[in-house]
Amino acid sequence: MTPEEYEKLYGYAPSQELQEAWASGPQAVQSYKDKPVAEAIHAIVEPFTTRGVGGDPDDAEFASGIGGMNRGLASLLNPAVMVSGAANVVDNWANPAAENSLMDYIWGGLDVAGPVAKAAKPLAQAYRANMPNLLEYISNSRFTQAPGTTVGDTVSKMAGYTPPGGYPDQRVSFYSGNPIATAAALGEGLYRGTKSFVKQLYNLSDSHRWGTKKVSRLQVDGIKKHFETSESVMADPKSWVTDKSGVTKLSTKAKESLKRSEKTVAGDLNTMYALAEREGYEISDVVRAWGDIHWDTSRHINSVDLAPQLRDLKSVSADAAPTENSAMIADMMNGIWKMGDDYILAIQKPRKSSGAASSTTDAQMSRSYANAAKAYHAGARTADEFRAAGVKRVVDGENGSVLVQYSSDRMSDLFKGGFNAIAELTPKGKTTFWVSDKFDLLSGPAQTAMEVGMKNRLLTVMQPKTITTPVVGAGKGAAKKRKVPTRAKGPSVKSREEAAMKAMMADDDIPAAYKAKFMLTRYGLPTAGAGGLLSANQNPRNKTRY
């Protein structure tokens, strides 16, 4: 390449050092005699080098074709520059006569790294936003069942009786513990996420919505599916039954279908909100409207600041006394999650709709807590006495209380998946549940790869819930009348949720400037780059003879 050609392509003259490097090596007549591998590499990459894609020295068609930009700016947008930069490095490395300087590799690296680095972060954010929150699918295979408590139990389940018509449909989860099911659920999730991401990338409305609202194609599809499910269930005559008193109401099956749909969409949208916190980009008004329903405060803290935050956290139960064990509870949460310094603490509000968080209730209904409640009513008061009764991970707290830490075996909140619970039992017969969860994507090596470039770490803590420590297995007995709390006037939680969802998926007017930019970046530049490469390969003036 001549200095004139270089300036034609990039918009500025090459440095003296670069010109001297050209004169001494890469631009000289070269021989590949007795070096078939190097020659083969050269034959592959040479058409894609700067010499191959530079085009006619008198040709300014590319610059004029994108609106008369000066050639320097045009080259930065030209995908051919990135390709040729990498090709130059490879060709010079394979060339036995080339004397590559550090500058050669620097220029080639900059050609590649500049566009890649600029695009990598927003593309990664968009990709993560399109990953399904619920990594599960329907399967009728015996090999995807969750494992049993022992090896023998697992084998027995796999080899067990097959019901007529085959195995019943079962939900296979990423967190099932079965490596086959885990791999299958991950593969299904990555496929769905990638498919949604590509659709968003090349759809004008989806791209504009993501750019202005930070609402992904996956989330819009989830909202649409939820509304379609609700309409279908409510319109289906089979969803309605009439009881003995003549009252018509939704069947149990219909209620379960609606509840599942609400939980799924709520899990997706709460994940969207938490993901925005981790990514560190500005939360749009429509996403904030959803967040205000389900989330309380969010603030940057260090692990040493967790205890005072918990101490000031009010229980959702009106008659609950403030905890005296905030320091111990914080130590237990830090021990399990290992958040370290500078993370975001996000407070999740209690359940207010069928799709919202109910994790404190899950913690209450867990087998681990049932065992602790049984031990309490059997007379256990100290950690040693609870351990003697079979309760694990229990420590003594302040003023005669004990703290029991466990992973709940009930997980009705599809935002969290698994979570950690701490049951604080007092000698006065009260239990307060503390629920926490570290918000992350996947686990193990898959998590490391998926979270590259994320700005913040996030710990979610639910507002605690206090109950009277129950006598487990005593039966419900006669129904007790309870005072129905007076609700503040205003729109219901469900109507607010639906309004927020409709605002998120709404198609806004798209400015002409955005449309032009979209067409240029998605279709114009790639086409121009591909055309430049093709025309260069067909132009004999761009071929170097050896």
Protein backbone atom coordinates (compact mmCIF):
# COMPACT_ATOMS: atom_id res chain seq x y z
CA MET A 1 0.00 0.00 0.00
CA THR A 2 1.26 3.45 -0.87
CA PRO A 3 1.01 6.40 1.54
CA GLU A 4 -1.59 7.90 -0.78
CA GLU A 5 -3.69 4.73 -0.67
CA TYR A 6 -3.42 4.61 3.11
CA GLU A 7 -4.59 8.21 3.44
CA LYS A 8 -7.42 7.50 1.01
CA LEU A 9 -8.67 4.66 3.20
CA TYR A 10 -8.11 6.05 6.71
CA GLY A 11 -8.28 9.82 6.18
CA TYR A 12 -4.81 10.60 7.51
CA ALA A 13 -1.23 9.96 6.40
CA PRO A 14 0.75 7.00 7.77
CA SER A 15 3.53 7.65 10.23
CA GLN A 16 7.15 7.68 9.14
CA GLU A 17 7.79 4.59 11.22
CA LEU A 18 5.00 2.73 9.49
CA GLN A 19 6.28 3.76 6.04
CA GLU A 20 9.76 2.52 6.90
CA ALA A 21 8.31 -0.81 8.04
CA TRP A 22 6.47 -1.17 4.75
CA ALA A 23 9.62 -0.44 2.74
CA SER A 24 11.66 -3.04 4.56
CA GLY A 25 9.26 -5.92 4.81
CA PRO A 26 5.58 -6.47 4.13
CA GLN A 27 5.47 -4.49 0.88
CA ALA A 28 8.62 -6.04 -0.61
CA VAL A 29 8.64 -8.89 -3.12
CA GLN A 30 8.27 -12.05 -1.09
CA SER A 31 8.96 -15.70 -1.73
CA TYR A 32 7.20 -18.70 -0.21
CA LYS A 33 9.55 -21.29 -1.71
CA ASP A 34 9.64 -24.48 0.35
CA LYS A 35 7.08 -23.04 2.75
CA PRO A 36 3.76 -24.58 1.65
CA VAL A 37 1.95 -23.94 4.95
CA ALA A 38 2.88 -20.24 4.97
CA GLU A 39 1.92 -19.95 1.34
CA ALA A 40 -1.45 -21.58 2.02
CA ILE A 41 -2.11 -19.15 4.89
CA HIS A 42 -1.14 -16.25 2.64
CA ALA A 43 -3.44 -17.45 -0.13
CA ILE A 44 -6.38 -17.55 2.31
CA VAL A 45 -5.91 -14.20 4.05
CA GLU A 46 -4.29 -12.04 1.35
CA PRO A 47 -7.57 -11.14 -0.39
CA PHE A 48 -8.79 -9.76 2.94
CA THR A 49 -5.74 -7.64 3.77
CA THR A 50 -5.57 -3.87 3.38
CA ARG A 51 -4.21 -4.36 -0.15
CA GLY A 52 -7.21 -6.52 -0.99
CA VAL A 53 -9.95 -4.29 0.36
CA GLY A 54 -8.50 -0.86 -0.45
CA GLY A 55 -10.15 -0.74 -3.85
CA ASP A 56 -9.30 1.63 -6.67
CA PRO A 57 -7.14 4.51 -5.37
CA ASP A 58 -9.42 6.91 -7.17
CA ASP A 59 -12.60 5.39 -5.85
CA ALA A 60 -14.42 7.29 -3.06
CA GLU A 61 -17.68 5.45 -3.56
CA PHE A 62 -17.82 4.07 -0.04
CA ALA A 63 -17.51 7.44 1.63
CA SER A 64 -20.12 9.08 -0.57
CA GLY A 65 -22.42 6.11 -0.18
CA ILE A 66 -22.90 6.71 3.53
CA GLY A 67 -23.77 10.34 3.36
CA GLY A 68 -20.57 12.08 2.33
CA MET A 69 -18.64 11.36 5.54
CA ASN A 70 -14.97 12.13 5.40
CA ARG A 71 -12.91 9.08 4.69
CA GLY A 72 -11.46 8.83 8.20
CA LEU A 73 -14.85 8.56 9.84
CA ALA A 74 -16.14 6.29 7.13
CA SER A 75 -13.27 3.89 7.68
CA LEU A 76 -14.11 3.59 11.37
CA LEU A 77 -17.60 2.41 10.44
CA ASN A 78 -16.43 0.12 7.67
CA PRO A 79 -16.45 -3.56 8.71
CA ALA A 80 -13.82 -4.17 6.03
CA VAL A 81 -11.31 -2.25 8.15
CA MET A 82 -11.73 -4.62 11.04
CA VAL A 83 -11.39 -7.66 8.77
CA SER A 84 -8.36 -6.29 6.96
CA GLY A 85 -6.63 -5.33 10.20
CA ALA A 86 -6.76 -8.91 11.42
CA ALA A 87 -5.80 -10.24 7.98
CA ASN A 88 -2.74 -7.95 7.88
CA VAL A 89 -1.44 -9.35 11.14
CA VAL A 90 -1.92 -12.98 10.07
CA ASP A 91 -0.44 -12.40 6.59
CA ASN A 92 2.65 -10.64 7.95
CA TRP A 93 3.17 -13.37 10.54
CA ALA A 94 3.08 -16.07 7.84
CA ASN A 95 5.29 -14.09 5.42
CA PRO A 96 8.88 -15.37 5.65
CA ALA A 97 10.25 -12.10 4.26
CA ALA A 98 8.28 -9.79 6.52
CA GLU A 99 10.00 -8.04 9.37
CA ASN A 100 7.06 -7.19 11.53
CA SER A 101 7.43 -4.34 13.95
CA LEU A 102 5.43 -3.83 17.11
CA MET A 103 3.61 -1.05 15.30
CA ASP A 104 2.32 -3.52 12.70
CA TYR A 105 0.64 -5.58 15.37
CA ILE A 106 -0.60 -2.51 17.22
CA TRP A 107 -2.28 -1.13 14.09
CA GLY A 108 -3.84 -4.47 13.29
CA GLY A 109 -5.03 -4.89 16.86
CA LEU A 110 -6.57 -1.42 16.91
CA ASP A 111 -8.41 -2.11 13.67
CA VAL A 112 -10.02 -5.12 15.30
CA ALA A 113 -10.30 -4.05 18.92
CA GLY A 114 -11.85 -0.63 18.39
CA PRO A 115 -15.16 -1.66 16.85
CA VAL A 116 -15.32 -4.86 18.89
CA ALA A 117 -14.74 -3.15 22.24
CA LYS A 118 -17.25 -0.43 21.47
CA ALA A 119 -19.96 -2.90 20.54
CA ALA A 120 -19.19 -5.68 23.03
CA LYS A 121 -20.71 -4.16 26.17
CA PRO A 122 -24.13 -3.10 24.77
CA LEU A 123 -24.39 -6.37 22.85
CA ALA A 124 -23.62 -8.37 26.01
CA GLN A 125 -26.24 -6.40 27.95
CA ALA A 126 -28.84 -7.00 25.26
CA TYR A 127 -27.99 -10.70 25.11
CA ARG A 128 -28.25 -11.15 28.88
CA ALA A 129 -31.60 -9.33 28.89
CA ASN A 130 -32.93 -11.93 26.45
CA MET A 131 -31.91 -14.96 28.51
CA PRO A 132 -34.93 -16.79 29.97
CA ASN A 133 -35.24 -16.47 33.72
CA LEU A 134 -36.91 -19.86 34.16
CA LEU A 135 -34.51 -22.50 32.83
CA GLU A 136 -36.86 -25.43 32.58
CA TYR A 137 -38.77 -27.32 29.94
CA ILE A 138 -41.36 -30.10 29.68
CA SER A 139 -40.00 -33.63 29.36
CA ASN A 140 -41.43 -37.15 29.55
CA SER A 141 -38.04 -38.89 29.73
CA ARG A 142 -37.13 -40.97 32.76
CA PHE A 143 -33.52 -39.80 32.42
CA THR A 144 -34.38 -36.17 33.11
CA GLN A 145 -36.13 -36.79 36.42
CA ALA A 146 -34.71 -35.17 39.51
CA PRO A 147 -32.43 -37.59 41.42
CA GLY A 148 -33.61 -39.37 44.54
CA THR A 149 -32.16 -38.97 48.03
CA THR A 150 -29.83 -41.96 47.47
CA VAL A 151 -28.21 -43.68 44.49
CA GLY A 152 -30.58 -46.61 44.92
CA ASP A 153 -33.59 -44.30 45.02
CA THR A 154 -32.40 -42.56 41.86
CA VAL A 155 -31.93 -45.85 40.00
CA SER A 156 -35.31 -47.03 41.21
CA LYS A 157 -37.00 -43.89 39.92
CA MET A 158 -35.35 -44.24 36.52
CA ALA A 159 -36.19 -47.93 36.23
CA GLY A 160 -39.62 -47.69 37.80
CA TYR A 161 -43.05 -48.48 36.45
CA THR A 162 -44.02 -46.67 33.26
CA PRO A 163 -47.64 -45.53 33.34
CA PRO A 164 -49.87 -46.27 30.36
CA GLY A 165 -49.12 -43.88 27.56
CA GLY A 166 -45.60 -43.20 28.77
CA TYR A 167 -44.17 -40.93 31.43
CA PRO A 168 -46.26 -37.96 32.52
CA ASP A 169 -45.05 -34.52 31.47
CA GLN A 170 -42.69 -33.07 34.02
CA ARG A 171 -40.88 -29.78 34.34
CA VAL A 172 -37.13 -30.26 34.04
CA SER A 173 -35.14 -27.59 35.81
CA PHE A 174 -31.55 -26.34 35.51
CA TYR A 175 -31.38 -26.70 39.30
CA SER A 176 -32.84 -30.24 39.47
CA GLY A 177 -29.55 -31.87 40.45
CA ASN A 178 -29.66 -34.22 37.47
CA PRO A 179 -26.68 -33.38 35.20
CA ILE A 180 -28.60 -34.53 32.10
CA ALA A 181 -31.56 -32.30 32.96
CA THR A 182 -29.24 -29.41 33.86
CA ALA A 183 -27.44 -29.59 30.50
CA ALA A 184 -30.72 -29.95 28.60
CA ALA A 185 -32.34 -27.00 30.39
CA LEU A 186 -29.25 -24.83 29.83
CA GLY A 187 -29.15 -25.72 26.14
CA GLU A 188 -32.83 -24.92 25.75
CA GLY A 189 -32.38 -21.60 27.58
CA LEU A 190 -29.37 -20.55 25.50
CA TYR A 191 -31.22 -21.43 22.29
CA ARG A 192 -34.29 -19.41 23.28
CA GLY A 193 -32.19 -16.49 24.51
CA THR A 194 -30.03 -16.35 21.39
CA LYS A 195 -33.09 -16.58 19.15
CA SER A 196 -34.78 -13.73 21.00
CA PHE A 197 -31.59 -11.63 20.93
CA VAL A 198 -31.18 -12.00 17.16
CA LYS A 199 -34.82 -11.07 16.59
CA GLN A 200 -34.38 -7.97 18.73
CA LEU A 201 -31.17 -7.00 16.95
CA TYR A 202 -32.78 -7.00 13.51
CA ASN A 203 -36.28 -5.77 14.35
CA LEU A 204 -36.78 -2.01 14.30
CA SER A 205 -39.47 -1.83 17.01
CA ASP A 206 -37.68 -4.27 19.31
CA SER A 207 -34.37 -2.44 18.94
CA HIS A 208 -35.95 0.95 19.60
CA ARG A 209 -37.81 -0.37 22.64
CA TRP A 210 -34.60 -1.82 24.06
CA GLY A 211 -32.69 1.39 23.35
CA THR A 212 -35.26 3.68 24.97
CA LYS A 213 -36.89 1.53 27.66
CA LYS A 214 -34.40 -1.30 28.28
CA VAL A 215 -37.19 -3.82 27.75
CA SER A 216 -36.04 -6.84 25.75
CA ARG A 217 -37.81 -8.89 23.09
CA LEU A 218 -37.96 -11.85 25.49
CA GLN A 219 -39.79 -9.80 28.12
CA VAL A 220 -42.27 -8.43 25.59
CA ASP A 221 -42.98 -11.95 24.34
CA GLY A 222 -43.48 -13.07 27.95
CA ILE A 223 -45.96 -10.26 28.65
CA LYS A 224 -47.90 -11.04 25.46
CA LYS A 225 -48.04 -14.73 26.35
CA HIS A 226 -49.31 -13.89 29.85
CA PHE A 227 -52.13 -11.71 28.51
CA GLU A 228 -53.04 -14.35 25.90
CA THR A 229 -53.13 -17.05 28.58
CA SER A 230 -55.35 -14.93 30.84
CA GLU A 231 -57.79 -14.14 28.03
CA SER A 232 -57.88 -17.77 26.91
CA VAL A 233 -58.58 -19.11 30.40
CA MET A 234 -61.27 -16.54 31.17
CA ALA A 235 -63.02 -17.09 27.81
CA ASP A 236 -62.97 -20.90 28.01
CA PRO A 237 -66.33 -22.29 29.27
CA LYS A 238 -64.44 -25.27 30.74
CA SER A 239 -62.65 -22.89 33.13
CA TRP A 240 -65.90 -22.23 35.01
CA VAL A 241 -67.76 -24.47 37.43
CA THR A 242 -70.97 -24.03 39.42
CA ASP A 243 -71.01 -25.12 43.07
CA LYS A 244 -73.90 -26.56 45.04
CA SER A 245 -75.15 -23.11 46.01
CA GLY A 246 -75.41 -22.11 42.34
CA VAL A 247 -72.38 -19.80 42.37
CA THR A 248 -70.25 -19.90 39.21
CA LYS A 249 -66.48 -19.57 39.74
CA LEU A 250 -63.16 -20.49 38.22
CA SER A 251 -62.14 -24.13 38.49
CA THR A 252 -59.09 -25.18 40.46
CA LYS A 253 -57.28 -26.04 37.22
CA ALA A 254 -58.05 -22.61 35.73
CA LYS A 255 -56.83 -20.85 38.88
CA GLU A 256 -53.60 -22.82 38.80
CA SER A 257 -53.07 -21.93 35.12
CA LEU A 258 -53.54 -18.21 35.83
CA LYS A 259 -51.33 -18.37 38.90
CA ARG A 260 -48.54 -20.10 36.95
CA SER A 261 -48.74 -17.47 34.21
CA GLU A 262 -48.62 -14.61 36.72
CA LYS A 263 -45.64 -16.11 38.52
CA THR A 264 -43.75 -16.67 35.27
CA VAL A 265 -44.17 -13.12 33.97
CA ALA A 266 -43.48 -11.62 37.42
CA GLY A 267 -40.28 -13.69 37.63
CA ASP A 268 -39.16 -12.41 34.21
CA LEU A 269 -39.87 -8.77 35.01
CA ASN A 270 -38.31 -8.85 38.48
CA THR A 271 -35.25 -10.38 36.83
CA MET A 272 -35.31 -7.51 34.33
CA TYR A 273 -35.32 -5.01 37.19
CA ALA A 274 -32.54 -6.75 39.10
CA LEU A 275 -30.50 -7.10 35.91
CA ALA A 276 -30.72 -3.34 35.36
CA GLU A 277 -29.26 -2.86 38.86
CA ARG A 278 -26.38 -5.21 38.09
CA GLU A 279 -25.66 -3.76 34.65
CA GLY A 280 -25.65 -0.23 36.04
CA TYR A 281 -27.60 1.44 33.23
CA GLU A 282 -30.37 3.95 33.85
CA ILE A 283 -33.73 2.38 34.67
CA SER A 284 -36.48 3.69 32.38
CA ASP A 285 -39.75 5.09 33.70
CA VAL A 286 -41.82 2.09 32.54
CA VAL A 287 -39.43 -0.38 34.19
CA ARG A 288 -39.36 1.82 37.32
CA ALA A 289 -43.18 1.64 37.44
CA TRP A 290 -42.95 -2.14 37.75
CA GLY A 291 -40.08 -1.91 40.23
CA ASP A 292 -42.02 0.42 42.53
CA ILE A 293 -44.65 -2.29 42.98
CA HIS A 294 -42.25 -5.08 43.91
CA TRP A 295 -39.09 -3.41 45.23
CA ASP A 296 -38.29 -1.00 48.04
CA THR A 297 -34.90 0.62 48.50
CA SER A 298 -31.66 -0.17 46.67
CA ARG A 299 -28.33 1.19 47.85
CA HIS A 300 -24.60 0.50 47.55
CA ILE A 301 -23.16 -0.94 50.77
CA ASN A 302 -20.23 -2.97 52.10
CA SER A 303 -20.62 -6.19 54.07
CA VAL A 304 -19.94 -4.34 57.34
CA ASP A 305 -22.95 -2.11 56.61
CA LEU A 306 -25.40 -5.01 56.26
CA ALA A 307 -26.19 -5.35 59.97
CA PRO A 308 -27.51 -1.78 60.48
CA GLN A 309 -29.55 -2.13 57.28
CA LEU A 310 -31.19 -5.28 58.66
CA ARG A 311 -31.73 -3.68 62.06
CA ASP A 312 -33.70 -0.85 60.43
CA LEU A 313 -35.68 -3.24 58.23
CA LYS A 314 -39.26 -3.39 59.51
CA SER A 315 -41.18 -6.66 59.58
CA VAL A 316 -44.31 -6.88 57.45
CA SER A 317 -46.11 -8.13 60.57
CA ALA A 318 -47.62 -5.27 62.55
CA ASP A 319 -46.96 -6.77 66.01
CA ALA A 320 -43.34 -7.77 65.37
CA ALA A 321 -40.63 -6.56 67.73
CA PRO A 322 -37.35 -5.25 66.25
CA THR A 323 -34.66 -7.93 66.03
CA GLU A 324 -31.77 -8.00 68.48
CA ASN A 325 -29.80 -10.34 66.24
CA SER A 326 -29.08 -8.13 63.23
CA ALA A 327 -25.29 -8.55 63.56
CA MET A 328 -25.53 -12.36 63.69
CA ILE A 329 -28.05 -12.50 60.84
CA ALA A 330 -25.76 -10.29 58.74
CA ASP A 331 -22.78 -12.56 59.51
CA MET A 332 -24.78 -15.60 58.45
CA MET A 333 -25.86 -13.95 55.18
CA ASN A 334 -22.30 -12.77 54.48
CA GLY A 335 -21.02 -16.25 55.21
CA ILE A 336 -23.30 -17.91 52.67
CA TRP A 337 -23.16 -15.27 49.91
CA LYS A 338 -19.64 -13.81 50.41
CA MET A 339 -20.59 -10.45 48.90
CA GLY A 340 -17.46 -8.60 50.13
CA ASP A 341 -17.22 -4.86 49.52
CA ASP A 342 -19.30 -2.53 47.38
CA TYR A 343 -22.45 -4.33 46.32
CA ILE A 344 -26.06 -3.30 45.93
CA LEU A 345 -28.54 -4.30 48.63
CA ALA A 346 -32.05 -4.42 47.16
CA ILE A 347 -35.08 -4.85 49.42
CA GLN A 348 -37.88 -6.92 47.93
CA LYS A 349 -41.42 -6.19 49.04
CA PRO A 350 -43.67 -8.97 50.38
CA ARG A 351 -46.28 -10.75 48.35
CA LYS A 352 -49.05 -8.47 47.10
CA SER A 353 -50.29 -10.43 44.11
CA SER A 354 -50.34 -14.06 43.04
CA GLY A 355 -47.27 -13.54 40.91
CA ALA A 356 -45.19 -11.61 43.43
CA ALA A 357 -42.64 -12.82 45.92
CA SER A 358 -43.86 -15.27 48.56
CA SER A 359 -40.48 -16.51 49.74
CA THR A 360 -41.07 -15.82 53.45
CA THR A 361 -44.13 -18.09 53.24
CA ASP A 362 -42.00 -20.68 51.43
CA ALA A 363 -39.47 -20.47 54.27
CA GLN A 364 -42.28 -20.97 56.78
CA MET A 365 -43.64 -24.05 54.98
CA SER A 366 -40.22 -25.68 54.51
CA ARG A 367 -39.47 -29.05 56.16
CA SER A 368 -36.40 -27.55 57.86
CA TYR A 369 -38.54 -25.01 59.69
CA ALA A 370 -41.21 -27.61 60.53
CA ASN A 371 -38.52 -29.64 62.31
CA ALA A 372 -37.38 -26.53 64.22
CA ALA A 373 -40.97 -25.70 65.25
CA LYS A 374 -41.50 -29.29 66.46
CA ALA A 375 -38.30 -29.09 68.50
CA TYR A 376 -39.40 -25.78 70.03
CA HIS A 377 -42.74 -27.17 71.20
CA ALA A 378 -40.96 -30.28 72.50
CA GLY A 379 -39.06 -28.01 74.87
CA ALA A 380 -35.89 -27.09 72.97
CA ARG A 381 -34.65 -23.58 73.78
CA THR A 382 -30.87 -23.59 73.22
CA ALA A 383 -28.86 -24.40 70.10
CA ASP A 384 -27.58 -27.61 71.73
CA GLU A 385 -31.13 -28.73 72.51
CA PHE A 386 -32.26 -28.00 68.95
CA ARG A 387 -29.28 -29.96 67.56
CA ALA A 388 -30.16 -32.88 69.88
CA ALA A 389 -33.63 -32.83 68.31
CA GLY A 390 -32.11 -33.14 64.79
CA VAL A 391 -32.12 -29.47 63.78
CA LYS A 392 -29.00 -28.50 61.82
CA ARG A 393 -27.16 -25.17 61.36
CA VAL A 394 -28.54 -23.57 64.52
CA VAL A 395 -26.81 -21.01 66.79
CA ASP A 396 -27.74 -19.21 69.98
CA GLY A 397 -28.86 -15.61 69.60
CA GLU A 398 -29.58 -12.76 72.00
CA ASN A 399 -31.96 -13.01 74.96
CA GLY A 400 -32.70 -16.70 74.63
CA SER A 401 -33.41 -16.75 70.88
CA VAL A 402 -31.98 -19.21 68.36
CA LEU A 403 -31.21 -18.77 64.67
CA VAL A 404 -31.78 -21.65 62.23
CA GLN A 405 -30.32 -21.31 58.73
CA TYR A 406 -31.49 -23.46 55.81
CA SER A 407 -32.26 -23.63 52.10
CA SER A 408 -35.99 -23.73 51.52
CA ASP A 409 -37.36 -26.78 49.73
CA ARG A 410 -40.27 -24.64 48.50
CA MET A 411 -39.56 -22.06 45.79
CA SER A 412 -42.76 -20.44 44.53
CA ASP A 413 -41.08 -17.17 43.52
CA LEU A 414 -39.78 -17.80 40.00
CA PHE A 415 -37.50 -14.77 40.22
CA LYS A 416 -35.23 -16.34 42.81
CA GLY A 417 -35.13 -20.03 42.29
CA GLY A 418 -33.23 -21.24 45.35
CA PHE A 419 -32.70 -18.91 48.31
CA ASN A 420 -31.36 -18.88 51.87
CA ALA A 421 -33.61 -18.55 54.90
CA ILE A 422 -32.92 -17.77 58.56
CA ALA A 423 -35.64 -18.54 61.10
CA GLU A 424 -35.27 -16.46 64.27
CA LEU A 425 -37.15 -18.25 67.11
CA THR A 426 -37.66 -16.34 70.38
CA PRO A 427 -38.49 -17.82 73.81
CA LYS A 428 -41.80 -15.91 73.69
CA GLY A 429 -43.07 -18.17 70.90
CA LYS A 430 -42.44 -15.92 67.88
CA THR A 431 -40.55 -16.71 64.67
CA THR A 432 -39.22 -14.14 62.22
CA PHE A 433 -38.13 -15.25 58.75
CA TRP A 434 -35.18 -13.57 57.01
CA VAL A 435 -34.85 -14.40 53.30
CA SER A 436 -31.85 -13.49 51.12
CA ASP A 437 -30.60 -14.35 47.67
CA LYS A 438 -27.54 -13.37 45.63
CA PHE A 439 -28.74 -12.41 42.17
CA ASP A 440 -26.58 -14.19 39.63
CA LEU A 441 -26.91 -15.79 36.21
CA LEU A 442 -26.46 -19.55 35.98
CA SER A 443 -23.69 -21.16 38.05
CA GLY A 444 -20.09 -22.35 37.77
CA PRO A 445 -18.18 -21.70 34.51
CA ALA A 446 -21.44 -20.77 32.73
CA GLN A 447 -21.96 -18.01 35.30
CA THR A 448 -18.43 -16.65 34.81
CA ALA A 449 -18.94 -16.45 31.05
CA MET A 450 -22.43 -14.96 31.24
CA GLU A 451 -21.55 -12.22 33.74
CA VAL A 452 -18.46 -10.79 32.01
CA GLY A 453 -18.61 -6.99 32.05
CA MET A 454 -21.41 -6.62 34.61
CA LYS A 455 -20.88 -3.53 36.76
CA ASN A 456 -22.41 -4.42 40.14
CA ARG A 457 -23.10 -7.35 42.43
CA LEU A 458 -26.59 -7.60 43.93
CA LEU A 459 -27.95 -9.08 47.15
CA THR A 460 -31.73 -9.20 47.51
CA VAL A 461 -33.30 -9.33 50.98
CA MET A 462 -37.02 -9.59 51.63
CA GLN A 463 -38.82 -7.64 54.27
CA PRO A 464 -39.00 -10.07 57.21
CA LYS A 465 -42.19 -11.78 58.33
CA THR A 466 -43.09 -12.65 61.95
CA ILE A 467 -45.52 -15.38 63.04
CA THR A 468 -46.46 -17.27 66.16
CA THR A 469 -44.35 -20.41 66.19
CA PRO A 470 -46.92 -23.04 65.11
CA VAL A 471 -47.65 -26.45 66.58
CA VAL A 472 -46.84 -28.57 63.51
CA GLY A 473 -49.35 -31.36 62.82
CA ALA A 474 -51.96 -30.10 65.28
CA GLY A 475 -54.58 -29.65 62.57
CA LYS A 476 -56.37 -26.55 61.50
CA GLY A 477 -59.26 -26.84 63.91
CA ALA A 478 -62.13 -24.41 63.74
CA ALA A 479 -61.74 -21.53 61.38
CA LYS A 480 -60.95 -18.28 63.13
CA LYS A 481 -62.42 -14.99 62.10
CA ARG A 482 -59.81 -12.45 61.30
CA LYS A 483 -60.05 -8.78 60.82
CA VAL A 484 -59.74 -7.82 57.18
CA PRO A 485 -57.29 -4.92 56.92
CA THR A 486 -58.60 -1.72 55.45
CA ARG A 487 -57.08 -1.17 52.04
CA ALA A 488 -56.04 2.25 50.90
CA LYS A 489 -58.13 3.64 48.09
CA GLY A 490 -56.56 3.59 44.67
CA PRO A 491 -55.79 1.15 41.88
CA SER A 492 -55.20 -2.47 42.87
CA VAL A 493 -51.78 -4.10 42.66
CA LYS A 494 -52.94 -6.24 39.76
CA SER A 495 -54.19 -3.25 37.76
CA ARG A 496 -50.92 -1.41 38.41
CA GLU A 497 -48.97 -4.45 37.24
CA GLU A 498 -51.02 -4.72 34.06
CA ALA A 499 -50.62 -1.00 33.34
CA ALA A 500 -46.84 -1.28 33.76
CA MET A 501 -46.70 -4.32 31.47
CA LYS A 502 -48.74 -2.62 28.75
CA ALA A 503 -46.47 0.45 28.92
CA MET A 504 -43.39 -1.76 28.59
CA MET A 505 -44.55 -3.51 25.44
CA ALA A 506 -46.10 -0.45 23.77
CA ASP A 507 -44.73 0.53 20.36
CA ASP A 508 -43.69 4.19 20.54
CA ASP A 509 -43.22 6.51 17.58
CA ILE A 510 -39.75 5.94 16.15
CA PRO A 511 -37.87 9.06 14.97
CA ALA A 512 -36.68 9.14 11.37
CA ALA A 513 -33.07 9.59 12.54
CA TYR A 514 -33.26 6.37 14.54
CA LYS A 515 -34.74 4.50 11.57
CA ALA A 516 -31.87 5.72 9.34
CA LYS A 517 -29.26 4.71 11.93
CA PHE A 518 -30.90 1.30 12.35
CA MET A 519 -30.89 0.58 8.61
CA LEU A 520 -27.30 1.79 8.28
CA THR A 521 -25.85 -0.24 11.15
CA ARG A 522 -27.91 -3.42 10.66
CA TYR A 523 -27.94 -3.66 6.87
CA GLY A 524 -26.11 -0.81 5.12
CA LEU A 525 -22.59 -1.12 6.52
CA PRO A 526 -22.42 -4.93 6.51
CA THR A 527 -23.62 -4.93 2.91
CA ALA A 528 -21.11 -2.24 1.96
CA GLY A 529 -18.33 -4.12 3.69
CA ALA A 530 -19.22 -7.40 2.01
CA GLY A 531 -19.51 -5.65 -1.33
CA GLY A 532 -16.13 -4.00 -0.82
CA LEU A 533 -14.49 -7.33 -0.12
CA LEU A 534 -16.16 -8.97 -3.10
CA SER A 535 -15.28 -6.20 -5.53
CA ALA A 536 -11.71 -6.07 -4.26
CA ASN A 537 -11.26 -9.77 -4.83
CA GLN A 538 -12.47 -9.39 -8.40
CA ASN A 539 -10.25 -6.36 -9.16
CA PRO A 540 -6.93 -7.46 -10.69
CA ARG A 541 -5.30 -4.15 -9.67
CA ASN A 542 -5.57 -5.23 -6.03
CA LYS A 543 -3.68 -8.49 -6.47
CA THR A 544 -0.03 -8.68 -5.52
CA ARG A 545 2.14 -10.95 -7.63
CA TYR A 546 4.98 -12.94 -6.19
